[in-house]
């Protein structure tokens, strides 16, 4: 599973993959801000109905 630093470094690529797979995601849903990672993951988990681990596995 990708760690926080790997996700941060490749976020633009990962955003594109998520948007392709889940068309209802908005830029606001995928906004990555330092110190607010947990908030972002929470939004994604709620919107997609998946766990953080399930979402992160999409990037492996």
C-alpha atoms as a PDB file:
ATOM      1  CA  UNK A   1       0.000   0.000   0.000  1.00  0.00           C
ATOM      2  CA  UNK A   2       1.233   3.492  -0.790  1.00  0.00           C
ATOM      3  CA  UNK A   3       2.295   5.591   2.163  1.00  0.00           C
ATOM      4  CA  UNK A   4       1.392   9.224   2.781  1.00  0.00           C
ATOM      5  CA  UNK A   5       4.567  10.630   1.180  1.00  0.00           C
ATOM      6  CA  UNK A   6       4.118   8.530  -1.972  1.00  0.00           C
ATOM      7  CA  UNK A   7       0.525   9.651  -2.285  1.00  0.00           C
ATOM      8  CA  UNK A   8       1.462  13.292  -1.778  1.00  0.00           C
ATOM      9  CA  UNK A   9       4.188  13.090  -4.446  1.00  0.00           C
ATOM     10  CA  UNK A  10       1.943  11.488  -7.065  1.00  0.00           C
ATOM     11  CA  UNK A  11      -1.350  13.131  -6.188  1.00  0.00           C
ATOM     12  CA  UNK A  12      -2.125  14.632  -9.621  1.00  0.00           C
ATOM     13  CA  UNK A  13      -1.780  11.241 -11.302  1.00  0.00           C
ATOM     14  CA  UNK A  14      -3.845   9.589  -8.585  1.00  0.00           C
ATOM     15  CA  UNK A  15      -6.571  12.244  -8.847  1.00  0.00           C
ATOM     16  CA  UNK A  16      -6.887  11.463 -12.537  1.00  0.00           C
ATOM     17  CA  UNK A  17      -7.265   7.745 -11.846  1.00  0.00           C
ATOM     18  CA  UNK A  18      -9.931   8.357  -9.220  1.00  0.00           C
ATOM     19  CA  UNK A  19     -11.855  10.729 -11.494  1.00  0.00           C
ATOM     20  CA  UNK A  20     -11.789   8.168 -14.311  1.00  0.00           C
ATOM     21  CA  UNK A  21     -13.068   5.409 -12.046  1.00  0.00           C
ATOM     22  CA  UNK A  22     -15.548   7.556 -10.074  1.00  0.00           C
ATOM     23  CA  UNK A  23     -16.940  10.273 -12.332  1.00  0.00           C
ATOM     24  CA  UNK A  24     -19.002  11.859  -9.546  1.00  0.00           C
ATOM     25  CA  UNK A  25     -15.873  13.006  -7.662  1.00  0.00           C
ATOM     26  CA  UNK A  26     -15.223  16.745  -7.788  1.00  0.00           C
ATOM     27  CA  UNK A  27     -12.011  18.731  -7.484  1.00  0.00           C
ATOM     28  CA  UNK A  28     -13.141  19.723  -3.985  1.00  0.00           C
ATOM     29  CA  UNK A  29     -13.410  16.043  -3.025  1.00  0.00           C
ATOM     30  CA  UNK A  30      -9.846  15.519  -4.200  1.00  0.00           C
ATOM     31  CA  UNK A  31      -8.276  18.627  -2.697  1.00  0.00           C
ATOM     32  CA  UNK A  32      -5.014  17.628  -1.005  1.00  0.00           C
ATOM     33  CA  UNK A  33      -3.777  20.041   1.643  1.00  0.00           C
ATOM     34  CA  UNK A  34      -0.909  19.503   4.054  1.00  0.00           C
ATOM     35  CA  UNK A  35      -2.249  18.626   7.477  1.00  0.00           C
ATOM     36  CA  UNK A  36      -5.738  17.833   6.164  1.00  0.00           C
ATOM     37  CA  UNK A  37      -5.104  14.372   4.741  1.00  0.00           C
ATOM     38  CA  UNK A  38      -7.484  12.699   7.202  1.00  0.00           C
ATOM     39  CA  UNK A  39     -10.267  15.090   6.228  1.00  0.00           C
ATOM     40  CA  UNK A  40      -9.730  14.320   2.539  1.00  0.00           C
ATOM     41  CA  UNK A  41      -9.719  10.548   3.148  1.00  0.00           C
ATOM     42  CA  UNK A  42     -12.896  10.903   5.199  1.00  0.00           C
ATOM     43  CA  UNK A  43     -14.651  12.718   2.355  1.00  0.00           C
ATOM     44  CA  UNK A  44     -13.560  10.072  -0.139  1.00  0.00           C
ATOM     45  CA  UNK A  45     -14.613   7.220   2.149  1.00  0.00           C
ATOM     46  CA  UNK A  46     -18.036   8.765   2.644  1.00  0.00           C
ATOM     47  CA  UNK A  47     -18.600   9.544  -1.028  1.00  0.00           C
ATOM     48  CA  UNK A  48     -17.301   6.219  -2.372  1.00  0.00           C
ATOM     49  CA  UNK A  49     -18.474   3.939   0.432  1.00  0.00           C
ATOM     50  CA  UNK A  50     -15.017   2.373   0.688  1.00  0.00           C
ATOM     51  CA  UNK A  51     -12.358   2.202   3.374  1.00  0.00           C
ATOM     52  CA  UNK A  52      -9.144   4.202   3.179  1.00  0.00           C
ATOM     53  CA  UNK A  53      -7.274   0.967   2.555  1.00  0.00           C
ATOM     54  CA  UNK A  54      -9.605   0.045  -0.347  1.00  0.00           C
ATOM     55  CA  UNK A  55      -9.144   3.475  -1.933  1.00  0.00           C
ATOM     56  CA  UNK A  56      -5.368   3.384  -1.523  1.00  0.00           C
ATOM     57  CA  UNK A  57      -5.242  -0.101  -3.076  1.00  0.00           C
ATOM     58  CA  UNK A  58      -6.446   1.451  -6.338  1.00  0.00           C
ATOM     59  CA  UNK A  59      -2.995   3.036  -6.681  1.00  0.00           C
ATOM     60  CA  UNK A  60      -0.960  -0.155  -6.395  1.00  0.00           C
END
